[in-house]
Amino acid sequence: MNGEMAHSRMKITVHIKPNARQESVTVREDGVYVVQVSAPPIEGRANEKLIEILSKHFHRPKRAIEILRGTHGRHKIVEIQ
């Protein structure tokens, strides 16, 4: 399974909460990832922080994580390689 996982892609739905006091990743019952980031939603800073947090959460390099949809909103589709 690990060999297959290295080449697979996973798409997740993310609800981002910028300007949070504490950074965290939780998963709701409907499968949506709720990610609290400390960065403000200005000039892409919250998106950069989101990628950094997801990188640590999924143990993947930052370059393996891409925001496919929702770069300017709170609801996003993220692909993780």
PDB file of N, CA and C in Angstrom:
ATOM      1  N   MET A   1       0.832  -1.201   0.000  1.00  0.00           N
ATOM      2  CA  MET A   1       0.000   0.000   0.000  1.00  0.00           C
ATOM      3  C   MET A   1       0.869   1.255   0.000  1.00  0.00           C
ATOM      4  N   ASN A   2       1.955   1.276   0.740  1.00  0.00           N
ATOM      5  CA  ASN A   2       2.795   2.462   0.792  1.00  0.00           C
ATOM      6  C   ASN A   2       3.387   2.806  -0.559  1.00  0.00           C
ATOM      7  N   GLY A   3       3.758   1.806  -1.345  1.00  0.00           N
ATOM      8  CA  GLY A   3       4.283   2.056  -2.677  1.00  0.00           C
ATOM      9  C   GLY A   3       3.253   2.725  -3.568  1.00  0.00           C
ATOM     10  N   GLU A   4       2.016   2.278  -3.464  1.00  0.00           N
ATOM     11  CA  GLU A   4       0.937   2.879  -4.259  1.00  0.00           C
ATOM     12  C   GLU A   4       0.657   4.300  -3.787  1.00  0.00           C
ATOM     13  N   MET A   5       0.686   4.499  -2.496  1.00  0.00           N
ATOM     14  CA  MET A   5       0.354   5.795  -1.929  1.00  0.00           C
ATOM     15  C   MET A   5       1.339   6.870  -2.394  1.00  0.00           C
ATOM     16  N   ALA A   6       2.573   6.488  -2.645  1.00  0.00           N
ATOM     17  CA  ALA A   6       3.587   7.451  -3.052  1.00  0.00           C
ATOM     18  C   ALA A   6       3.242   8.101  -4.383  1.00  0.00           C
ATOM     19  N   HIS A   7       2.495   7.389  -5.234  1.00  0.00           N
ATOM     20  CA  HIS A   7       2.184   7.917  -6.562  1.00  0.00           C
ATOM     21  C   HIS A   7       0.727   8.360  -6.697  1.00  0.00           C
ATOM     22  N   SER A   8      -0.061   8.198  -5.653  1.00  0.00           N
ATOM     23  CA  SER A   8      -1.469   8.546  -5.755  1.00  0.00           C
ATOM     24  C   SER A   8      -1.693  10.004  -5.363  1.00  0.00           C
ATOM     25  N   ARG A   9      -2.855  10.483  -5.760  1.00  0.00           N
ATOM     26  CA  ARG A   9      -3.245  11.845  -5.420  1.00  0.00           C
ATOM     27  C   ARG A   9      -4.539  11.782  -4.634  1.00  0.00           C
ATOM     28  N   MET A  10      -4.658  12.672  -3.668  1.00  0.00           N
ATOM     29  CA  MET A  10      -5.852  12.719  -2.845  1.00  0.00           C
ATOM     30  C   MET A  10      -6.395  14.137  -2.914  1.00  0.00           C
ATOM     31  N   LYS A  11      -7.684  14.252  -3.126  1.00  0.00           N
ATOM     32  CA  LYS A  11      -8.321  15.571  -3.110  1.00  0.00           C
ATOM     33  C   LYS A  11      -9.162  15.670  -1.856  1.00  0.00           C
ATOM     34  N   ILE A  12      -8.998  16.781  -1.152  1.00  0.00           N
ATOM     35  CA  ILE A  12      -9.776  17.002   0.063  1.00  0.00           C
ATOM     36  C   ILE A  12     -10.467  18.365  -0.031  1.00  0.00           C
ATOM     37  N   THR A  13     -11.568  18.474   0.685  1.00  0.00           N
ATOM     38  CA  THR A  13     -12.263  19.750   0.807  1.00  0.00           C
ATOM     39  C   THR A  13     -11.815  20.381   2.120  1.00  0.00           C
ATOM     40  N   VAL A  14     -11.453  21.654   2.042  1.00  0.00           N
ATOM     41  CA  VAL A  14     -10.923  22.360   3.212  1.00  0.00           C
ATOM     42  C   VAL A  14     -11.748  23.609   3.485  1.00  0.00           C
ATOM     43  N   HIS A  15     -12.046  23.827   4.741  1.00  0.00           N
ATOM     44  CA  HIS A  15     -12.631  25.096   5.197  1.00  0.00           C
ATOM     45  C   HIS A  15     -11.546  25.752   6.046  1.00  0.00           C
ATOM     46  N   ILE A  16     -11.072  26.890   5.594  1.00  0.00           N
ATOM     47  CA  ILE A  16      -9.961  27.568   6.285  1.00  0.00           C
ATOM     48  C   ILE A  16     -10.504  28.660   7.198  1.00  0.00           C
ATOM     49  N   LYS A  17      -9.895  28.767   8.367  1.00  0.00           N
ATOM     50  CA  LYS A  17     -10.259  29.826   9.327  1.00  0.00           C
ATOM     51  C   LYS A  17      -8.999  30.650   9.580  1.00  0.00           C
ATOM     52  N   PRO A  18      -8.853  31.789   8.894  1.00  0.00           N
ATOM     53  CA  PRO A  18      -7.666  32.630   9.089  1.00  0.00           C
ATOM     54  C   PRO A  18      -7.714  33.395  10.409  1.00  0.00           C
ATOM     55  N   ASN A  19      -6.579  33.987  10.759  1.00  0.00           N
ATOM     56  CA  ASN A  19      -6.434  34.803  11.976  1.00  0.00           C
ATOM     57  C   ASN A  19      -6.744  34.037  13.255  1.00  0.00           C
ATOM     58  N   ALA A  20      -6.519  32.735  13.253  1.00  0.00           N
ATOM     59  CA  ALA A  20      -6.793  31.924  14.442  1.00  0.00           C
ATOM     60  C   ALA A  20      -5.678  32.114  15.470  1.00  0.00           C
ATOM     61  N   ARG A  21      -6.036  31.990  16.725  1.00  0.00           N
ATOM     62  CA  ARG A  21      -5.028  32.091  17.784  1.00  0.00           C
ATOM     63  C   ARG A  21      -4.144  30.852  17.801  1.00  0.00           C
ATOM     64  N   GLN A  22      -4.764  29.711  17.523  1.00  0.00           N
ATOM     65  CA  GLN A  22      -4.027  28.453  17.545  1.00  0.00           C
ATOM     66  C   GLN A  22      -4.244  27.736  16.212  1.00  0.00           C
ATOM     67  N   GLU A  23      -3.174  27.180  15.652  1.00  0.00           N
ATOM     68  CA  GLU A  23      -3.287  26.470  14.384  1.00  0.00           C
ATOM     69  C   GLU A  23      -3.658  25.018  14.649  1.00  0.00           C
ATOM     70  N   SER A  24      -4.585  24.507  13.830  1.00  0.00           N
ATOM     71  CA  SER A  24      -5.009  23.125  14.016  1.00  0.00           C
ATOM     72  C   SER A  24      -5.643  22.592  12.739  1.00  0.00           C
ATOM     73  N   VAL A  25      -5.726  21.251  12.683  1.00  0.00           N
ATOM     74  CA  VAL A  25      -6.413  20.560  11.590  1.00  0.00           C
ATOM     75  C   VAL A  25      -7.383  19.588  12.242  1.00  0.00           C
ATOM     76  N   THR A  26      -8.653  19.715  11.904  1.00  0.00           N
ATOM     77  CA  THR A  26      -9.661  18.768  12.374  1.00  0.00           C
ATOM     78  C   THR A  26     -10.490  18.326  11.167  1.00  0.00           C
ATOM     79  N   VAL A  27     -11.158  17.194  11.318  1.00  0.00           N
ATOM     80  CA  VAL A  27     -11.998  16.680  10.238  1.00  0.00           C
ATOM     81  C   VAL A  27     -13.420  16.567  10.763  1.00  0.00           C
ATOM     82  N   ARG A  28     -14.344  17.219  10.050  1.00  0.00           N
ATOM     83  CA  ARG A  28     -15.750  17.142  10.436  1.00  0.00           C
ATOM     84  C   ARG A  28     -16.326  15.783  10.027  1.00  0.00           C
ATOM     85  N   GLU A  29     -17.517  15.490  10.519  1.00  0.00           N
ATOM     86  CA  GLU A  29     -18.176  14.219  10.193  1.00  0.00           C
ATOM     87  C   GLU A  29     -18.421  14.068   8.700  1.00  0.00           C
ATOM     88  N   ASP A  30     -18.593  15.185   7.996  1.00  0.00           N
ATOM     89  CA  ASP A  30     -18.848  15.118   6.553  1.00  0.00           C
ATOM     90  C   ASP A  30     -17.559  14.999   5.737  1.00  0.00           C
ATOM     91  N   GLY A  31     -16.414  14.864   6.414  1.00  0.00           N
ATOM     92  CA  GLY A  31     -15.147  14.669   5.722  1.00  0.00           C
ATOM     93  C   GLY A  31     -14.415  15.942   5.343  1.00  0.00           C
ATOM     94  N   VAL A  32     -14.987  17.094   5.671  1.00  0.00           N
ATOM     95  CA  VAL A  32     -14.345  18.370   5.365  1.00  0.00           C
ATOM     96  C   VAL A  32     -13.274  18.652   6.419  1.00  0.00           C
ATOM     97  N   TYR A  33     -12.086  19.025   5.946  1.00  0.00           N
ATOM     98  CA  TYR A  33     -10.995  19.381   6.847  1.00  0.00           C
ATOM     99  C   TYR A  33     -11.162  20.846   7.251  1.00  0.00           C
ATOM    100  N   VAL A  34     -11.167  21.117   8.532  1.00  0.00           N
ATOM    101  CA  VAL A  34     -11.225  22.491   9.050  1.00  0.00           C
ATOM    102  C   VAL A  34      -9.819  22.826   9.527  1.00  0.00           C
ATOM    103  N   VAL A  35      -9.223  23.832   8.880  1.00  0.00           N
ATOM    104  CA  VAL A  35      -7.847  24.194   9.197  1.00  0.00           C
ATOM    105  C   VAL A  35      -7.822  25.622   9.715  1.00  0.00           C
ATOM    106  N   GLN A  36      -7.347  25.772  10.938  1.00  0.00           N
ATOM    107  CA  GLN A  36      -7.198  27.096  11.534  1.00  0.00           C
ATOM    108  C   GLN A  36      -5.757  27.539  11.311  1.00  0.00           C
ATOM    109  N   VAL A  37      -5.608  28.720  10.710  1.00  0.00           N
ATOM    110  CA  VAL A  37      -4.270  29.261  10.441  1.00  0.00           C
ATOM    111  C   VAL A  37      -4.128  30.606  11.139  1.00  0.00           C
ATOM    112  N   SER A  38      -2.898  30.911  11.552  1.00  0.00           N
ATOM    113  CA  SER A  38      -2.652  32.165  12.262  1.00  0.00           C
ATOM    114  C   SER A  38      -2.524  33.347  11.312  1.00  0.00           C
ATOM    115  N   ALA A  39      -2.275  33.083  10.047  1.00  0.00           N
ATOM    116  CA  ALA A  39      -2.045  34.154   9.072  1.00  0.00           C
ATOM    117  C   ALA A  39      -3.349  34.825   8.651  1.00  0.00           C
ATOM    118  N   PRO A  40      -3.264  36.100   8.283  1.00  0.00           N
ATOM    119  CA  PRO A  40      -4.446  36.807   7.786  1.00  0.00           C
ATOM    120  C   PRO A  40      -4.694  36.467   6.312  1.00  0.00           C
ATOM    121  N   PRO A  41      -5.934  36.640   5.850  1.00  0.00           N
ATOM    122  CA  PRO A  41      -6.240  36.343   4.443  1.00  0.00           C
ATOM    123  C   PRO A  41      -5.848  37.504   3.525  1.00  0.00           C
ATOM    124  N   ILE A  42      -4.595  37.908   3.605  1.00  0.00           N
ATOM    125  CA  ILE A  42      -4.100  39.044   2.823  1.00  0.00           C
ATOM    126  C   ILE A  42      -2.921  38.583   1.989  1.00  0.00           C
ATOM    127  N   GLU A  43      -2.945  38.931   0.702  1.00  0.00           N
ATOM    128  CA  GLU A  43      -1.841  38.638  -0.216  1.00  0.00           C
ATOM    129  C   GLU A  43      -1.420  37.175  -0.207  1.00  0.00           C
ATOM    130  N   GLY A  44      -2.375  36.278  -0.038  1.00  0.00           N
ATOM    131  CA  GLY A  44      -2.088  34.853  -0.110  1.00  0.00           C
ATOM    132  C   GLY A  44      -1.398  34.266   1.106  1.00  0.00           C
ATOM    133  N   ARG A  45      -1.263  35.050   2.168  1.00  0.00           N
ATOM    134  CA  ARG A  45      -0.549  34.558   3.352  1.00  0.00           C
ATOM    135  C   ARG A  45      -1.268  33.385   4.022  1.00  0.00           C
ATOM    136  N   ALA A  46      -2.596  33.446   4.094  1.00  0.00           N
ATOM    137  CA  ALA A  46      -3.345  32.344   4.708  1.00  0.00           C
ATOM    138  C   ALA A  46      -3.205  31.073   3.870  1.00  0.00           C
ATOM    139  N   ASN A  47      -3.195  31.209   2.547  1.00  0.00           N
ATOM    140  CA  ASN A  47      -3.022  30.039   1.678  1.00  0.00           C
ATOM    141  C   ASN A  47      -1.637  29.426   1.857  1.00  0.00           C
ATOM    142  N   GLU A  48      -0.620  30.260   1.972  1.00  0.00           N
ATOM    143  CA  GLU A  48       0.739  29.753   2.201  1.00  0.00           C
ATOM    144  C   GLU A  48       0.807  28.989   3.518  1.00  0.00           C
ATOM    145  N   LYS A  49       0.191  29.547   4.545  1.00  0.00           N
ATOM    146  CA  LYS A  49       0.182  28.900   5.855  1.00  0.00           C
ATOM    147  C   LYS A  49      -0.613  27.598   5.797  1.00  0.00           C
ATOM    148  N   LEU A  50      -1.720  27.606   5.050  1.00  0.00           N
ATOM    149  CA  LEU A  50      -2.525  26.390   4.881  1.00  0.00           C
ATOM    150  C   LEU A  50      -1.672  25.270   4.292  1.00  0.00           C
ATOM    151  N   ILE A  51      -0.926  25.570   3.244  1.00  0.00           N
ATOM    152  CA  ILE A  51      -0.072  24.563   2.612  1.00  0.00           C
ATOM    153  C   ILE A  51       0.985  24.062   3.598  1.00  0.00           C
ATOM    154  N   GLU A  52       1.551  24.977   4.365  1.00  0.00           N
ATOM    155  CA  GLU A  52       2.555  24.596   5.369  1.00  0.00           C
ATOM    156  C   GLU A  52       1.965  23.658   6.425  1.00  0.00           C
ATOM    157  N   ILE A  53       0.772  23.973   6.916  1.00  0.00           N
ATOM    158  CA  ILE A  53       0.122  23.160   7.944  1.00  0.00           C
ATOM    159  C   ILE A  53      -0.268  21.789   7.392  1.00  0.00           C
ATOM    160  N   LEU A  54      -0.840  21.767   6.178  1.00  0.00           N
ATOM    161  CA  LEU A  54      -1.217  20.480   5.575  1.00  0.00           C
ATOM    162  C   LEU A  54       0.013  19.638   5.268  1.00  0.00           C
ATOM    163  N   SER A  55       1.106  20.290   4.906  1.00  0.00           N
ATOM    164  CA  SER A  55       2.363  19.594   4.647  1.00  0.00           C
ATOM    165  C   SER A  55       2.812  18.830   5.894  1.00  0.00           C
ATOM    166  N   LYS A  56       2.735  19.474   7.035  1.00  0.00           N
ATOM    167  CA  LYS A  56       3.118  18.824   8.296  1.00  0.00           C
ATOM    168  C   LYS A  56       2.108  17.737   8.676  1.00  0.00           C
ATOM    169  N   HIS A  57       0.827  18.032   8.498  1.00  0.00           N
ATOM    170  CA  HIS A  57      -0.237  17.099   8.899  1.00  0.00           C
ATOM    171  C   HIS A  57      -0.159  15.790   8.115  1.00  0.00           C
ATOM    172  N   PHE A  58       0.065  15.893   6.802  1.00  0.00           N
ATOM    173  CA  PHE A  58       0.091  14.700   5.945  1.00  0.00           C
ATOM    174  C   PHE A  58       1.508  14.169   5.702  1.00  0.00           C
ATOM    175  N   HIS A  59       2.506  14.809   6.300  1.00  0.00           N
ATOM    176  CA  HIS A  59       3.912  14.396   6.139  1.00  0.00           C
ATOM    177  C   HIS A  59       4.309  14.359   4.668  1.00  0.00           C
ATOM    178  N   ARG A  60       3.979  15.430   3.959  1.00  0.00           N
ATOM    179  CA  ARG A  60       4.302  15.568   2.542  1.00  0.00           C
ATOM    180  C   ARG A  60       5.040  16.894   2.361  1.00  0.00           C
ATOM    181  N   PRO A  61       5.916  16.988   1.351  1.00  0.00           N
ATOM    182  CA  PRO A  61       6.570  18.277   1.093  1.00  0.00           C
ATOM    183  C   PRO A  61       5.555  19.307   0.599  1.00  0.00           C
ATOM    184  N   LYS A  62       5.852  20.562   0.836  1.00  0.00           N
ATOM    185  CA  LYS A  62       4.932  21.641   0.423  1.00  0.00           C
ATOM    186  C   LYS A  62       4.631  21.599  -1.069  1.00  0.00           C
ATOM    187  N   ARG A  63       5.633  21.231  -1.861  1.00  0.00           N
ATOM    188  CA  ARG A  63       5.433  21.203  -3.320  1.00  0.00           C
ATOM    189  C   ARG A  63       4.425  20.123  -3.751  1.00  0.00           C
ATOM    190  N   ALA A  64       4.096  19.175  -2.851  1.00  0.00           N
ATOM    191  CA  ALA A  64       3.147  18.103  -3.163  1.00  0.00           C
ATOM    192  C   ALA A  64       1.709  18.514  -2.859  1.00  0.00           C
ATOM    193  N   ILE A  65       1.513  19.752  -2.416  1.00  0.00           N
ATOM    194  CA  ILE A  65       0.175  20.226  -2.040  1.00  0.00           C
ATOM    195  C   ILE A  65      -0.185  21.427  -2.902  1.00  0.00           C
ATOM    196  N   GLU A  66      -1.364  21.346  -3.511  1.00  0.00           N
ATOM    197  CA  GLU A  66      -1.797  22.406  -4.420  1.00  0.00           C
ATOM    198  C   GLU A  66      -3.264  22.748  -4.170  1.00  0.00           C
ATOM    199  N   ILE A  67      -3.557  24.031  -4.123  1.00  0.00           N
ATOM    200  CA  ILE A  67      -4.948  24.481  -4.003  1.00  0.00           C
ATOM    201  C   ILE A  67      -5.515  24.524  -5.416  1.00  0.00           C
ATOM    202  N   LEU A  68      -6.479  23.644  -5.702  1.00  0.00           N
ATOM    203  CA  LEU A  68      -7.060  23.567  -7.039  1.00  0.00           C
ATOM    204  C   LEU A  68      -8.160  24.597  -7.240  1.00  0.00           C
ATOM    205  N   ARG A  69      -9.000  24.766  -6.208  1.00  0.00           N
ATOM    206  CA  ARG A  69     -10.114  25.712  -6.289  1.00  0.00           C
ATOM    207  C   ARG A  69     -10.273  26.447  -4.972  1.00  0.00           C
ATOM    208  N   GLY A  70     -10.694  27.694  -5.059  1.00  0.00           N
ATOM    209  CA  GLY A  70     -11.000  28.449  -3.850  1.00  0.00           C
ATOM    210  C   GLY A  70      -9.861  29.263  -3.281  1.00  0.00           C
ATOM    211  N   THR A  71      -8.932  29.671  -4.123  1.00  0.00           N
ATOM    212  CA  THR A  71      -7.784  30.417  -3.603  1.00  0.00           C
ATOM    213  C   THR A  71      -8.195  31.726  -2.937  1.00  0.00           C
ATOM    214  N   HIS A  72      -9.355  32.283  -3.310  1.00  0.00           N
ATOM    215  CA  HIS A  72      -9.780  33.557  -2.723  1.00  0.00           C
ATOM    216  C   HIS A  72     -10.952  33.406  -1.753  1.00  0.00           C
ATOM    217  N   GLY A  73     -11.307  32.173  -1.415  1.00  0.00           N
ATOM    218  CA  GLY A  73     -12.427  31.954  -0.497  1.00  0.00           C
ATOM    219  C   GLY A  73     -12.018  31.077   0.668  1.00  0.00           C
ATOM    220  N   ARG A  74     -12.958  30.811   1.535  1.00  0.00           N
ATOM    221  CA  ARG A  74     -12.669  29.976   2.701  1.00  0.00           C
ATOM    222  C   ARG A  74     -12.856  28.494   2.417  1.00  0.00           C
ATOM    223  N   HIS A  75     -13.626  28.161   1.380  1.00  0.00           N
ATOM    224  CA  HIS A  75     -13.832  26.760   1.004  1.00  0.00           C
ATOM    225  C   HIS A  75     -12.927  26.450  -0.167  1.00  0.00           C
ATOM    226  N   LYS A  76     -12.103  25.416  -0.019  1.00  0.00           N
ATOM    227  CA  LYS A  76     -11.093  25.106  -1.024  1.00  0.00           C
ATOM    228  C   LYS A  76     -11.094  23.622  -1.357  1.00  0.00           C
ATOM    229  N   ILE A  77     -10.646  23.314  -2.558  1.00  0.00           N
ATOM    230  CA  ILE A  77     -10.348  21.932  -2.951  1.00  0.00           C
ATOM    231  C   ILE A  77      -8.825  21.867  -3.044  1.00  0.00           C
ATOM    232  N   VAL A  78      -8.250  20.962  -2.283  1.00  0.00           N
ATOM    233  CA  VAL A  78      -6.791  20.840  -2.216  1.00  0.00           C
ATOM    234  C   VAL A  78      -6.393  19.448  -2.682  1.00  0.00           C
ATOM    235  N   GLU A  79      -5.363  19.403  -3.508  1.00  0.00           N
ATOM    236  CA  GLU A  79      -4.825  18.113  -3.963  1.00  0.00           C
ATOM    237  C   GLU A  79      -3.505  17.844  -3.264  1.00  0.00           C
ATOM    238  N   ILE A  80      -3.371  16.621  -2.765  1.00  0.00           N
ATOM    239  CA  ILE A  80      -2.138  16.215  -2.086  1.00  0.00           C
ATOM    240  C   ILE A  80      -1.589  15.011  -2.816  1.00  0.00           C
ATOM    241  N   GLN A  81      -0.340  15.117  -3.268  1.00  0.00           N
ATOM    242  CA  GLN A  81       0.282  14.011  -3.996  1.00  0.00           C
ATOM    243  C   GLN A  81       0.893  13.024  -3.037  1.00  0.00           C
TER     244      GLN A  81
END
